[in-house]
Structures are given as structure tokens and as C-alpha cells.
Amino acid sequence: MHIDLPEKRYYGIGEVAKAFKVNASLIRFWEKEFDVLKPKKNAKGNRKFTPEDIKNLQLIYHLVKQRGFTLEGAKIQLKENKLKTLTTFDVIQKLEKVKAELIKIKNQL
């Protein structure tokens, strides 16, 4: 899944939810469930996600929504095989970008 977010230091929960095409409540739920998500909060309590948080959200989204892991299974996968999971996830993301570029070139022809 390609996430279309501009490069910034912090992202609000609304723009993160929109980029992932999920409800903000799901993002808040995942924040409670997964220890790797630690968004900063301002004085008002608004969540501000860093690019690292976005990367972790992409990994959680991939495991839960695309690969069909249960929450417990995703937690175990993240704890036990984080390096292997990250490497596989990075390869999949790069291949999806290449595929998107090839489709774009094909459509231009």
C-alpha cells in the first residue's frame, strides 16, 4: 500500500487516517494495542505522528489488513521477527513502487 503523505516532521491523526483510508478511531486503537506506536501529544492532547510512527503504522496495516494477521499474531510477529518483517515489508514496498511506475509508463504509451 502506497501512503501519500508530504514530508513533514509531524502528522495529525486526521491526515494519517485519511492516508491509510481508515477511521481515526482505528489509529487510536492500534496505538493502545501496539507498543511500537508512540505518537507525541501536544498540550491539548492532539496526537502528532512522526515519520517513524508512520513506518510502524504501515507495518501494522500490512500485517493486519493485507496479510490477515490477528492483533495478537501481529504483536508476536513484530516482537519476534521485527528485522525479518521489516526487510520483507521494505522489499514489498519497493516492488509496489516499481509496479506503479511501470503501469504509469504503460498508460503513457
PDB file of N, CA and C in Angstrom:
ATOM      1  N   MET A   1       0.835  -1.170   0.000  1.00  0.00           N
ATOM      2  CA  MET A   1       0.000   0.000   0.000  1.00  0.00           C
ATOM      3  C   MET A   1       0.887   1.242   0.000  1.00  0.00           C
ATOM      4  N   HIS A   2       0.624   2.135  -0.910  1.00  0.00           N
ATOM      5  CA  HIS A   2       1.382   3.372  -1.001  1.00  0.00           C
ATOM      6  C   HIS A   2       0.669   4.455  -0.194  1.00  0.00           C
ATOM      7  N   ILE A   3       1.392   5.051   0.733  1.00  0.00           N
ATOM      8  CA  ILE A   3       0.850   6.116   1.565  1.00  0.00           C
ATOM      9  C   ILE A   3       1.317   7.443   0.990  1.00  0.00           C
ATOM     10  N   ASP A   4       0.363   8.304   0.674  1.00  0.00           N
ATOM     11  CA  ASP A   4       0.681   9.582   0.048  1.00  0.00           C
ATOM     12  C   ASP A   4       0.619  10.696   1.094  1.00  0.00           C
ATOM     13  N   LEU A   5       1.755  10.930   1.747  1.00  0.00           N
ATOM     14  CA  LEU A   5       1.856  11.993   2.739  1.00  0.00           C
ATOM     15  C   LEU A   5       3.035  12.892   2.373  1.00  0.00           C
ATOM     16  N   PRO A   6       2.877  14.200   2.543  1.00  0.00           N
ATOM     17  CA  PRO A   6       4.016  15.091   2.293  1.00  0.00           C
ATOM     18  C   PRO A   6       5.089  14.880   3.366  1.00  0.00           C
ATOM     19  N   GLU A   7       6.320  15.244   3.044  1.00  0.00           N
ATOM     20  CA  GLU A   7       7.378  15.095   4.035  1.00  0.00           C
ATOM     21  C   GLU A   7       7.270  16.203   5.070  1.00  0.00           C
ATOM     22  N   LYS A   8       6.991  15.785   6.296  1.00  0.00           N
ATOM     23  CA  LYS A   8       6.882  16.714   7.419  1.00  0.00           C
ATOM     24  C   LYS A   8       7.459  16.035   8.647  1.00  0.00           C
ATOM     25  N   ARG A   9       7.658  16.824   9.682  1.00  0.00           N
ATOM     26  CA  ARG A   9       8.131  16.248  10.941  1.00  0.00           C
ATOM     27  C   ARG A   9       7.003  15.546  11.691  1.00  0.00           C
ATOM     28  N   TYR A  10       5.818  16.147  11.646  1.00  0.00           N
ATOM     29  CA  TYR A  10       4.685  15.615  12.392  1.00  0.00           C
ATOM     30  C   TYR A  10       3.437  15.614  11.530  1.00  0.00           C
ATOM     31  N   TYR A  11       2.611  14.596  11.734  1.00  0.00           N
ATOM     32  CA  TYR A  11       1.346  14.466  11.019  1.00  0.00           C
ATOM     33  C   TYR A  11       0.227  14.351  12.044  1.00  0.00           C
ATOM     34  N   GLY A  12      -0.891  15.008  11.781  1.00  0.00           N
ATOM     35  CA  GLY A  12      -2.061  14.895  12.639  1.00  0.00           C
ATOM     36  C   GLY A  12      -2.770  13.571  12.397  1.00  0.00           C
ATOM     37  N   ILE A  13      -3.578  13.167  13.343  1.00  0.00           N
ATOM     38  CA  ILE A  13      -4.257  11.881  13.233  1.00  0.00           C
ATOM     39  C   ILE A  13      -5.240  11.868  12.061  1.00  0.00           C
ATOM     40  N   GLY A  14      -5.838  13.012  11.755  1.00  0.00           N
ATOM     41  CA  GLY A  14      -6.779  13.087  10.639  1.00  0.00           C
ATOM     42  C   GLY A  14      -6.112  12.801   9.312  1.00  0.00           C
ATOM     43  N   GLU A  15      -4.945  13.421   9.077  1.00  0.00           N
ATOM     44  CA  GLU A  15      -4.274  13.190   7.807  1.00  0.00           C
ATOM     45  C   GLU A  15      -3.674  11.783   7.727  1.00  0.00           C
ATOM     46  N   VAL A  16      -3.289  11.218   8.865  1.00  0.00           N
ATOM     47  CA  VAL A  16      -2.788   9.844   8.878  1.00  0.00           C
ATOM     48  C   VAL A  16      -3.926   8.879   8.548  1.00  0.00           C
ATOM     49  N   ALA A  17      -5.073   9.078   9.187  1.00  0.00           N
ATOM     50  CA  ALA A  17      -6.229   8.217   8.938  1.00  0.00           C
ATOM     51  C   ALA A  17      -6.666   8.313   7.480  1.00  0.00           C
ATOM     52  N   LYS A  18      -6.656   9.511   6.933  1.00  0.00           N
ATOM     53  CA  LYS A  18      -7.041   9.705   5.539  1.00  0.00           C
ATOM     54  C   LYS A  18      -6.054   9.004   4.595  1.00  0.00           C
ATOM     55  N   ALA A  19      -4.765   9.097   4.905  1.00  0.00           N
ATOM     56  CA  ALA A  19      -3.747   8.461   4.060  1.00  0.00           C
ATOM     57  C   ALA A  19      -3.897   6.940   4.063  1.00  0.00           C
ATOM     58  N   PHE A  20      -4.257   6.372   5.206  1.00  0.00           N
ATOM     59  CA  PHE A  20      -4.433   4.925   5.312  1.00  0.00           C
ATOM     60  C   PHE A  20      -5.846   4.472   4.937  1.00  0.00           C
ATOM     61  N   LYS A  21      -6.734   5.448   4.713  1.00  0.00           N
ATOM     62  CA  LYS A  21      -8.138   5.167   4.386  1.00  0.00           C
ATOM     63  C   LYS A  21      -8.814   4.334   5.470  1.00  0.00           C
ATOM     64  N   VAL A  22      -8.588   4.753   6.725  1.00  0.00           N
ATOM     65  CA  VAL A  22      -9.228   4.120   7.883  1.00  0.00           C
ATOM     66  C   VAL A  22      -9.760   5.234   8.780  1.00  0.00           C
ATOM     67  N   ASN A  23     -10.547   4.866   9.771  1.00  0.00           N
ATOM     68  CA  ASN A  23     -11.049   5.833  10.742  1.00  0.00           C
ATOM     69  C   ASN A  23      -9.960   6.198  11.735  1.00  0.00           C
ATOM     70  N   ALA A  24     -10.030   7.412  12.267  1.00  0.00           N
ATOM     71  CA  ALA A  24      -9.069   7.847  13.281  1.00  0.00           C
ATOM     72  C   ALA A  24      -9.167   6.961  14.522  1.00  0.00           C
ATOM     73  N   SER A  25     -10.359   6.431  14.781  1.00  0.00           N
ATOM     74  CA  SER A  25     -10.530   5.558  15.947  1.00  0.00           C
ATOM     75  C   SER A  25      -9.696   4.292  15.827  1.00  0.00           C
ATOM     76  N   LEU A  26      -9.518   3.795  14.608  1.00  0.00           N
ATOM     77  CA  LEU A  26      -8.680   2.607  14.420  1.00  0.00           C
ATOM     78  C   LEU A  26      -7.222   2.930  14.727  1.00  0.00           C
ATOM     79  N   ILE A  27      -6.774   4.092  14.319  1.00  0.00           N
ATOM     80  CA  ILE A  27      -5.402   4.510  14.613  1.00  0.00           C
ATOM     81  C   ILE A  27      -5.210   4.621  16.133  1.00  0.00           C
ATOM     82  N   ARG A  28      -6.178   5.218  16.818  1.00  0.00           N
ATOM     83  CA  ARG A  28      -6.100   5.330  18.283  1.00  0.00           C
ATOM     84  C   ARG A  28      -6.112   3.946  18.934  1.00  0.00           C
ATOM     85  N   PHE A  29      -6.927   3.038  18.394  1.00  0.00           N
ATOM     86  CA  PHE A  29      -6.991   1.678  18.927  1.00  0.00           C
ATOM     87  C   PHE A  29      -5.646   0.978  18.757  1.00  0.00           C
ATOM     88  N   TRP A  30      -5.063   1.083  17.565  1.00  0.00           N
ATOM     89  CA  TRP A  30      -3.758   0.459  17.332  1.00  0.00           C
ATOM     90  C   TRP A  30      -2.698   1.064  18.235  1.00  0.00           C
ATOM     91  N   GLU A  31      -2.815   2.353  18.530  1.00  0.00           N
ATOM     92  CA  GLU A  31      -1.857   2.994  19.434  1.00  0.00           C
ATOM     93  C   GLU A  31      -1.894   2.330  20.811  1.00  0.00           C
ATOM     94  N   LYS A  32      -3.088   1.992  21.282  1.00  0.00           N
ATOM     95  CA  LYS A  32      -3.224   1.325  22.576  1.00  0.00           C
ATOM     96  C   LYS A  32      -2.721  -0.112  22.523  1.00  0.00           C
ATOM     97  N   GLU A  33      -2.937  -0.778  21.401  1.00  0.00           N
ATOM     98  CA  GLU A  33      -2.609  -2.192  21.278  1.00  0.00           C
ATOM     99  C   GLU A  33      -1.132  -2.470  21.000  1.00  0.00           C
ATOM    100  N   PHE A  34      -0.482  -1.612  20.244  1.00  0.00           N
ATOM    101  CA  PHE A  34       0.892  -1.872  19.805  1.00  0.00           C
ATOM    102  C   PHE A  34       1.855  -0.907  20.496  1.00  0.00           C
ATOM    103  N   ASP A  35       2.852  -1.478  21.157  1.00  0.00           N
ATOM    104  CA  ASP A  35       3.826  -0.684  21.897  1.00  0.00           C
ATOM    105  C   ASP A  35       4.730   0.147  20.997  1.00  0.00           C
ATOM    106  N   VAL A  36       4.887  -0.248  19.730  1.00  0.00           N
ATOM    107  CA  VAL A  36       5.784   0.482  18.834  1.00  0.00           C
ATOM    108  C   VAL A  36       5.226   1.843  18.426  1.00  0.00           C
ATOM    109  N   LEU A  37       3.927   2.055  18.597  1.00  0.00           N
ATOM    110  CA  LEU A  37       3.323   3.348  18.258  1.00  0.00           C
ATOM    111  C   LEU A  37       3.355   4.264  19.476  1.00  0.00           C
ATOM    112  N   LYS A  38       4.123   5.304  19.358  1.00  0.00           N
ATOM    113  CA  LYS A  38       4.235   6.274  20.444  1.00  0.00           C
ATOM    114  C   LYS A  38       4.155   7.693  19.888  1.00  0.00           C
ATOM    115  N   PRO A  39       2.983   8.124  19.408  1.00  0.00           N
ATOM    116  CA  PRO A  39       2.901   9.489  18.885  1.00  0.00           C
ATOM    117  C   PRO A  39       3.062  10.504  20.011  1.00  0.00           C
ATOM    118  N   LYS A  40       3.635  11.618  19.674  1.00  0.00           N
ATOM    119  CA  LYS A  40       3.781  12.703  20.637  1.00  0.00           C
ATOM    120  C   LYS A  40       2.417  13.371  20.796  1.00  0.00           C
ATOM    121  N   LYS A  41       2.195  13.963  21.951  1.00  0.00           N
ATOM    122  CA  LYS A  41       0.945  14.690  22.178  1.00  0.00           C
ATOM    123  C   LYS A  41       1.282  16.109  22.588  1.00  0.00           C
ATOM    124  N   ASN A  42       0.533  17.060  22.032  1.00  0.00           N
ATOM    125  CA  ASN A  42       0.753  18.454  22.404  1.00  0.00           C
ATOM    126  C   ASN A  42      -0.026  18.778  23.677  1.00  0.00           C
ATOM    127  N   ALA A  43      -0.018  20.042  24.072  1.00  0.00           N
ATOM    128  CA  ALA A  43      -0.684  20.448  25.321  1.00  0.00           C
ATOM    129  C   ALA A  43      -2.182  20.143  25.317  1.00  0.00           C
ATOM    130  N   LYS A  44      -2.793  20.200  24.143  1.00  0.00           N
ATOM    131  CA  LYS A  44      -4.218  19.896  24.034  1.00  0.00           C
ATOM    132  C   LYS A  44      -4.494  18.397  24.033  1.00  0.00           C
ATOM    133  N   GLY A  45      -3.461  17.585  23.866  1.00  0.00           N
ATOM    134  CA  GLY A  45      -3.640  16.142  23.807  1.00  0.00           C
ATOM    135  C   GLY A  45      -3.774  15.611  22.395  1.00  0.00           C
ATOM    136  N   ASN A  46      -3.572  16.473  21.388  1.00  0.00           N
ATOM    137  CA  ASN A  46      -3.630  16.029  19.987  1.00  0.00           C
ATOM    138  C   ASN A  46      -2.409  15.191  19.654  1.00  0.00           C
ATOM    139  N   ARG A  47      -2.639  14.100  18.975  1.00  0.00           N
ATOM    140  CA  ARG A  47      -1.553  13.218  18.599  1.00  0.00           C
ATOM    141  C   ARG A  47      -0.802  13.783  17.403  1.00  0.00           C
ATOM    142  N   LYS A  48       0.517  13.701  17.460  1.00  0.00           N
ATOM    143  CA  LYS A  48       1.376  14.112  16.361  1.00  0.00           C
ATOM    144  C   LYS A  48       2.287  12.934  16.030  1.00  0.00           C
ATOM    145  N   PHE A  49       2.088  12.377  14.845  1.00  0.00           N
ATOM    146  CA  PHE A  49       2.826  11.193  14.417  1.00  0.00           C
ATOM    147  C   PHE A  49       4.089  11.602  13.671  1.00  0.00           C
ATOM    148  N   THR A  50       5.202  10.961  14.015  1.00  0.00           N
ATOM    149  CA  THR A  50       6.472  11.194  13.341  1.00  0.00           C
ATOM    150  C   THR A  50       6.569  10.256  12.133  1.00  0.00           C
ATOM    151  N   PRO A  51       7.519  10.502  11.231  1.00  0.00           N
ATOM    152  CA  PRO A  51       7.718   9.560  10.120  1.00  0.00           C
ATOM    153  C   PRO A  51       7.995   8.133  10.598  1.00  0.00           C
ATOM    154  N   GLU A  52       8.643   7.986  11.743  1.00  0.00           N
ATOM    155  CA  GLU A  52       8.890   6.653  12.315  1.00  0.00           C
ATOM    156  C   GLU A  52       7.566   5.992  12.706  1.00  0.00           C
ATOM    157  N   ASP A  53       6.662   6.775  13.288  1.00  0.00           N
ATOM    158  CA  ASP A  53       5.331   6.251  13.623  1.00  0.00           C
ATOM    159  C   ASP A  53       4.587   5.821  12.364  1.00  0.00           C
ATOM    160  N   ILE A  54       4.721   6.594  11.297  1.00  0.00           N
ATOM    161  CA  ILE A  54       4.063   6.263  10.028  1.00  0.00           C
ATOM    162  C   ILE A  54       4.602   4.944   9.491  1.00  0.00           C
ATOM    163  N   LYS A  55       5.908   4.750   9.582  1.00  0.00           N
ATOM    164  CA  LYS A  55       6.531   3.492   9.133  1.00  0.00           C
ATOM    165  C   LYS A  55       5.975   2.314   9.941  1.00  0.00           C
ATOM    166  N   ASN A  56       5.867   2.495  11.253  1.00  0.00           N
ATOM    167  CA  ASN A  56       5.309   1.435  12.099  1.00  0.00           C
ATOM    168  C   ASN A  56       3.843   1.185  11.777  1.00  0.00           C
ATOM    169  N   LEU A  57       3.093   2.249  11.512  1.00  0.00           N
ATOM    170  CA  LEU A  57       1.686   2.089  11.125  1.00  0.00           C
ATOM    171  C   LEU A  57       1.563   1.328   9.806  1.00  0.00           C
ATOM    172  N   GLN A  58       2.447   1.620   8.865  1.00  0.00           N
ATOM    173  CA  GLN A  58       2.428   0.894   7.589  1.00  0.00           C
ATOM    174  C   GLN A  58       2.669  -0.583   7.822  1.00  0.00           C
ATOM    175  N   LEU A  59       3.600  -0.906   8.703  1.00  0.00           N
ATOM    176  CA  LEU A  59       3.903  -2.302   9.002  1.00  0.00           C
ATOM    177  C   LEU A  59       2.711  -2.977   9.677  1.00  0.00           C
ATOM    178  N   ILE A  60       2.092  -2.308  10.633  1.00  0.00           N
ATOM    179  CA  ILE A  60       0.914  -2.863  11.309  1.00  0.00           C
ATOM    180  C   ILE A  60      -0.225  -3.041  10.312  1.00  0.00           C
ATOM    181  N   TYR A  61      -0.449  -2.041   9.470  1.00  0.00           N
ATOM    182  CA  TYR A  61      -1.503  -2.121   8.455  1.00  0.00           C
ATOM    183  C   TYR A  61      -1.255  -3.320   7.531  1.00  0.00           C
ATOM    184  N   HIS A  62      -0.008  -3.473   7.116  1.00  0.00           N
ATOM    185  CA  HIS A  62       0.353  -4.578   6.229  1.00  0.00           C
ATOM    186  C   HIS A  62       0.056  -5.927   6.890  1.00  0.00           C
ATOM    187  N   LEU A  63       0.453  -6.079   8.140  1.00  0.00           N
ATOM    188  CA  LEU A  63       0.246  -7.352   8.830  1.00  0.00           C
ATOM    189  C   LEU A  63      -1.232  -7.633   9.081  1.00  0.00           C
ATOM    190  N   VAL A  64      -1.967  -6.627   9.556  1.00  0.00           N
ATOM    191  CA  VAL A  64      -3.353  -6.850   9.964  1.00  0.00           C
ATOM    192  C   VAL A  64      -4.314  -6.822   8.784  1.00  0.00           C
ATOM    193  N   LYS A  65      -4.223  -5.808   7.964  1.00  0.00           N
ATOM    194  CA  LYS A  65      -5.204  -5.630   6.891  1.00  0.00           C
ATOM    195  C   LYS A  65      -4.863  -6.405   5.617  1.00  0.00           C
ATOM    196  N   GLN A  66      -3.594  -6.444   5.243  1.00  0.00           N
ATOM    197  CA  GLN A  66      -3.234  -7.073   3.980  1.00  0.00           C
ATOM    198  C   GLN A  66      -2.900  -8.551   4.128  1.00  0.00           C
ATOM    199  N   ARG A  67      -2.211  -8.910   5.196  1.00  0.00           N
ATOM    200  CA  ARG A  67      -1.836 -10.307   5.373  1.00  0.00           C
ATOM    201  C   ARG A  67      -2.812 -11.080   6.242  1.00  0.00           C
ATOM    202  N   GLY A  68      -3.734 -10.369   6.918  1.00  0.00           N
ATOM    203  CA  GLY A  68      -4.788 -11.041   7.674  1.00  0.00           C
ATOM    204  C   GLY A  68      -4.378 -11.543   9.046  1.00  0.00           C
ATOM    205  N   PHE A  69      -3.330 -10.997   9.630  1.00  0.00           N
ATOM    206  CA  PHE A  69      -2.924 -11.396  10.967  1.00  0.00           C
ATOM    207  C   PHE A  69      -3.961 -10.916  11.980  1.00  0.00           C
ATOM    208  N   THR A  70      -4.106 -11.669  13.063  1.00  0.00           N
ATOM    209  CA  THR A  70      -4.886 -11.169  14.188  1.00  0.00           C
ATOM    210  C   THR A  70      -4.014 -10.148  14.910  1.00  0.00           C
ATOM    211  N   LEU A  71      -4.603  -9.389  15.815  1.00  0.00           N
ATOM    212  CA  LEU A  71      -3.801  -8.414  16.556  1.00  0.00           C
ATOM    213  C   LEU A  71      -2.706  -9.098  17.364  1.00  0.00           C
ATOM    214  N   GLU A  72      -3.065 -10.211  17.993  1.00  0.00           N
ATOM    215  CA  GLU A  72      -2.067 -10.954  18.778  1.00  0.00           C
ATOM    216  C   GLU A  72      -0.965 -11.496  17.871  1.00  0.00           C
ATOM    217  N   GLY A  73      -1.349 -12.008  16.717  1.00  0.00           N
ATOM    218  CA  GLY A  73      -0.359 -12.525  15.772  1.00  0.00           C
ATOM    219  C   GLY A  73       0.560 -11.428  15.266  1.00  0.00           C
ATOM    220  N   ALA A  74       0.001 -10.263  15.013  1.00  0.00           N
ATOM    221  CA  ALA A  74       0.816  -9.125  14.553  1.00  0.00           C
ATOM    222  C   ALA A  74       1.772  -8.679  15.653  1.00  0.00           C
ATOM    223  N   LYS A  75       1.302  -8.674  16.904  1.00  0.00           N
ATOM    224  CA  LYS A  75       2.178  -8.290  18.020  1.00  0.00           C
ATOM    225  C   LYS A  75       3.350  -9.259  18.137  1.00  0.00           C
ATOM    226  N   ILE A  76       3.053 -10.545  18.027  1.00  0.00           N
ATOM    227  CA  ILE A  76       4.106 -11.558  18.112  1.00  0.00           C
ATOM    228  C   ILE A  76       5.082 -11.403  16.953  1.00  0.00           C
ATOM    229  N   GLN A  77       4.554 -11.201  15.766  1.00  0.00           N
ATOM    230  CA  GLN A  77       5.396 -11.031  14.580  1.00  0.00           C
ATOM    231  C   GLN A  77       6.311  -9.822  14.748  1.00  0.00           C
ATOM    232  N   LEU A  78       5.787  -8.744  15.276  1.00  0.00           N
ATOM    233  CA  LEU A  78       6.596  -7.542  15.472  1.00  0.00           C
ATOM    234  C   LEU A  78       7.673  -7.752  16.527  1.00  0.00           C
ATOM    235  N   LYS A  79       7.345  -8.448  17.606  1.00  0.00           N
ATOM    236  CA  LYS A  79       8.312  -8.652  18.683  1.00  0.00           C
ATOM    237  C   LYS A  79       9.398  -9.646  18.298  1.00  0.00           C
ATOM    238  N   GLU A  80       8.995 -10.777  17.732  1.00  0.00           N
ATOM    239  CA  GLU A  80       9.951 -11.855  17.488  1.00  0.00           C
ATOM    240  C   GLU A  80      10.732 -11.697  16.188  1.00  0.00           C
ATOM    241  N   ASN A  81      10.069 -11.242  15.154  1.00  0.00           N
ATOM    242  CA  ASN A  81      10.707 -11.213  13.836  1.00  0.00           C
ATOM    243  C   ASN A  81      10.721  -9.818  13.236  1.00  0.00           C
ATOM    244  N   LYS A  82      10.937  -8.796  14.042  1.00  0.00           N
ATOM    245  CA  LYS A  82      10.823  -7.429  13.534  1.00  0.00           C
ATOM    246  C   LYS A  82      11.783  -7.160  12.379  1.00  0.00           C
ATOM    247  N   LEU A  83      13.023  -7.593  12.492  1.00  0.00           N
ATOM    248  CA  LEU A  83      14.004  -7.329  11.433  1.00  0.00           C
ATOM    249  C   LEU A  83      13.605  -8.033  10.139  1.00  0.00           C
ATOM    250  N   LYS A  84      13.213  -9.296  10.242  1.00  0.00           N
ATOM    251  CA  LYS A  84      12.807 -10.047   9.053  1.00  0.00           C
ATOM    252  C   LYS A  84      11.532  -9.442   8.455  1.00  0.00           C
ATOM    253  N   THR A  85      10.584  -9.089   9.308  1.00  0.00           N
ATOM    254  CA  THR A  85       9.328  -8.496   8.849  1.00  0.00           C
ATOM    255  C   THR A  85       9.580  -7.164   8.165  1.00  0.00           C
ATOM    256  N   LEU A  86      10.455  -6.331   8.747  1.00  0.00           N
ATOM    257  CA  LEU A  86      10.779  -5.036   8.151  1.00  0.00           C
ATOM    258  C   LEU A  86      11.445  -5.198   6.794  1.00  0.00           C
ATOM    259  N   THR A  87      12.371  -6.157   6.696  1.00  0.00           N
ATOM    260  CA  THR A  87      13.065  -6.386   5.429  1.00  0.00           C
ATOM    261  C   THR A  87      12.079  -6.828   4.356  1.00  0.00           C
ATOM    262  N   THR A  88      11.223  -7.767   4.687  1.00  0.00           N
ATOM    263  CA  THR A  88      10.223  -8.249   3.739  1.00  0.00           C
ATOM    264  C   THR A  88       9.276  -7.117   3.349  1.00  0.00           C
ATOM    265  N   PHE A  89       8.859  -6.350   4.317  1.00  0.00           N
ATOM    266  CA  PHE A  89       7.945  -5.239   4.070  1.00  0.00           C
ATOM    267  C   PHE A  89       8.593  -4.197   3.161  1.00  0.00           C
ATOM    268  N   ASP A  90       9.859  -3.890   3.410  1.00  0.00           N
ATOM    269  CA  ASP A  90      10.570  -2.923   2.569  1.00  0.00           C
ATOM    270  C   ASP A  90      10.669  -3.404   1.131  1.00  0.00           C
ATOM    271  N   VAL A  91      10.941  -4.683   0.941  1.00  0.00           N
ATOM    272  CA  VAL A  91      11.027  -5.245  -0.412  1.00  0.00           C
ATOM    273  C   VAL A  91       9.673  -5.149  -1.109  1.00  0.00           C
ATOM    274  N   ILE A  92       8.608  -5.474  -0.391  1.00  0.00           N
ATOM    275  CA  ILE A  92       7.262  -5.402  -0.969  1.00  0.00           C
ATOM    276  C   ILE A  92       6.932  -3.969  -1.366  1.00  0.00           C
ATOM    277  N   GLN A  93       7.276  -3.012  -0.514  1.00  0.00           N
ATOM    278  CA  GLN A  93       7.004  -1.604  -0.828  1.00  0.00           C
ATOM    279  C   GLN A  93       7.766  -1.162  -2.081  1.00  0.00           C
ATOM    280  N   LYS A  94       9.027  -1.551  -2.181  1.00  0.00           N
ATOM    281  CA  LYS A  94       9.826  -1.166  -3.347  1.00  0.00           C
ATOM    282  C   LYS A  94       9.258  -1.785  -4.615  1.00  0.00           C
ATOM    283  N   LEU A  95       8.839  -3.036  -4.535  1.00  0.00           N
ATOM    284  CA  LEU A  95       8.252  -3.690  -5.701  1.00  0.00           C
ATOM    285  C   LEU A  95       6.933  -3.038  -6.106  1.00  0.00           C
ATOM    286  N   GLU A  96       6.138  -2.616  -5.120  1.00  0.00           N
ATOM    287  CA  GLU A  96       4.882  -1.927  -5.443  1.00  0.00           C
ATOM    288  C   GLU A  96       5.143  -0.589  -6.126  1.00  0.00           C
ATOM    289  N   LYS A  97       6.202   0.112  -5.704  1.00  0.00           N
ATOM    290  CA  LYS A  97       6.557   1.374  -6.353  1.00  0.00           C
ATOM    291  C   LYS A  97       6.997   1.138  -7.793  1.00  0.00           C
ATOM    292  N   VAL A  98       7.792   0.094  -8.010  1.00  0.00           N
ATOM    293  CA  VAL A  98       8.238  -0.238  -9.363  1.00  0.00           C
ATOM    294  C   VAL A  98       7.033  -0.591 -10.230  1.00  0.00           C
ATOM    295  N   LYS A  99       6.124  -1.384  -9.682  1.00  0.00           N
ATOM    296  CA  LYS A  99       4.919  -1.768 -10.410  1.00  0.00           C
ATOM    297  C   LYS A  99       4.098  -0.541 -10.794  1.00  0.00           C
ATOM    298  N   ALA A 100       3.939   0.386  -9.852  1.00  0.00           N
ATOM    299  CA  ALA A 100       3.170   1.607 -10.127  1.00  0.00           C
ATOM    300  C   ALA A 100       3.838   2.425 -11.229  1.00  0.00           C
ATOM    301  N   GLU A 101       5.150   2.517 -11.201  1.00  0.00           N
ATOM    302  CA  GLU A 101       5.875   3.259 -12.242  1.00  0.00           C
ATOM    303  C   GLU A 101       5.717   2.582 -13.602  1.00  0.00           C
ATOM    304  N   LEU A 102       5.798   1.262 -13.621  1.00  0.00           N
ATOM    305  CA  LEU A 102       5.640   0.525 -14.888  1.00  0.00           C
ATOM    306  C   LEU A 102       4.238   0.697 -15.453  1.00  0.00           C
ATOM    307  N   ILE A 103       3.240   0.682 -14.600  1.00  0.00           N
ATOM    308  CA  ILE A 103       1.852   0.891 -15.047  1.00  0.00           C
ATOM    309  C   ILE A 103       1.692   2.307 -15.597  1.00  0.00           C
ATOM    310  N   LYS A 104       2.325   3.251 -14.922  1.00  0.00           N
ATOM    311  CA  LYS A 104       2.274   4.644 -15.373  1.00  0.00           C
ATOM    312  C   LYS A 104       2.914   4.794 -16.765  1.00  0.00           C
ATOM    313  N   ILE A 105       4.048   4.154 -16.963  1.00  0.00           N
ATOM    314  CA  ILE A 105       4.729   4.201 -18.269  1.00  0.00           C
ATOM    315  C   ILE A 105       3.877   3.528 -19.331  1.00  0.00           C
ATOM    316  N   LYS A 106       3.292   2.384 -18.977  1.00  0.00           N
ATOM    317  CA  LYS A 106       2.439   1.658 -19.927  1.00  0.00           C
ATOM    318  C   LYS A 106       1.256   2.519 -20.361  1.00  0.00           C
ATOM    319  N   ASN A 107       0.646   3.218 -19.430  1.00  0.00           N
ATOM    320  CA  ASN A 107      -0.503   4.068 -19.745  1.00  0.00           C
ATOM    321  C   ASN A 107      -0.129   5.261 -20.613  1.00  0.00           C
ATOM    322  N   GLN A 108       1.103   5.704 -20.499  1.00  0.00           N
ATOM    323  CA  GLN A 108       1.573   6.825 -21.297  1.00  0.00           C
ATOM    324  C   GLN A 108       1.862   6.418 -22.743  1.00  0.00           C
ATOM    325  N   LEU A 109       2.103   5.152 -22.950  1.00  0.00           N
ATOM    326  CA  LEU A 109       2.428   4.681 -24.314  1.00  0.00           C
ATOM    327  C   LEU A 109       1.226   4.625 -25.206  1.00  0.00           C
TER     328      LEU A 109
END
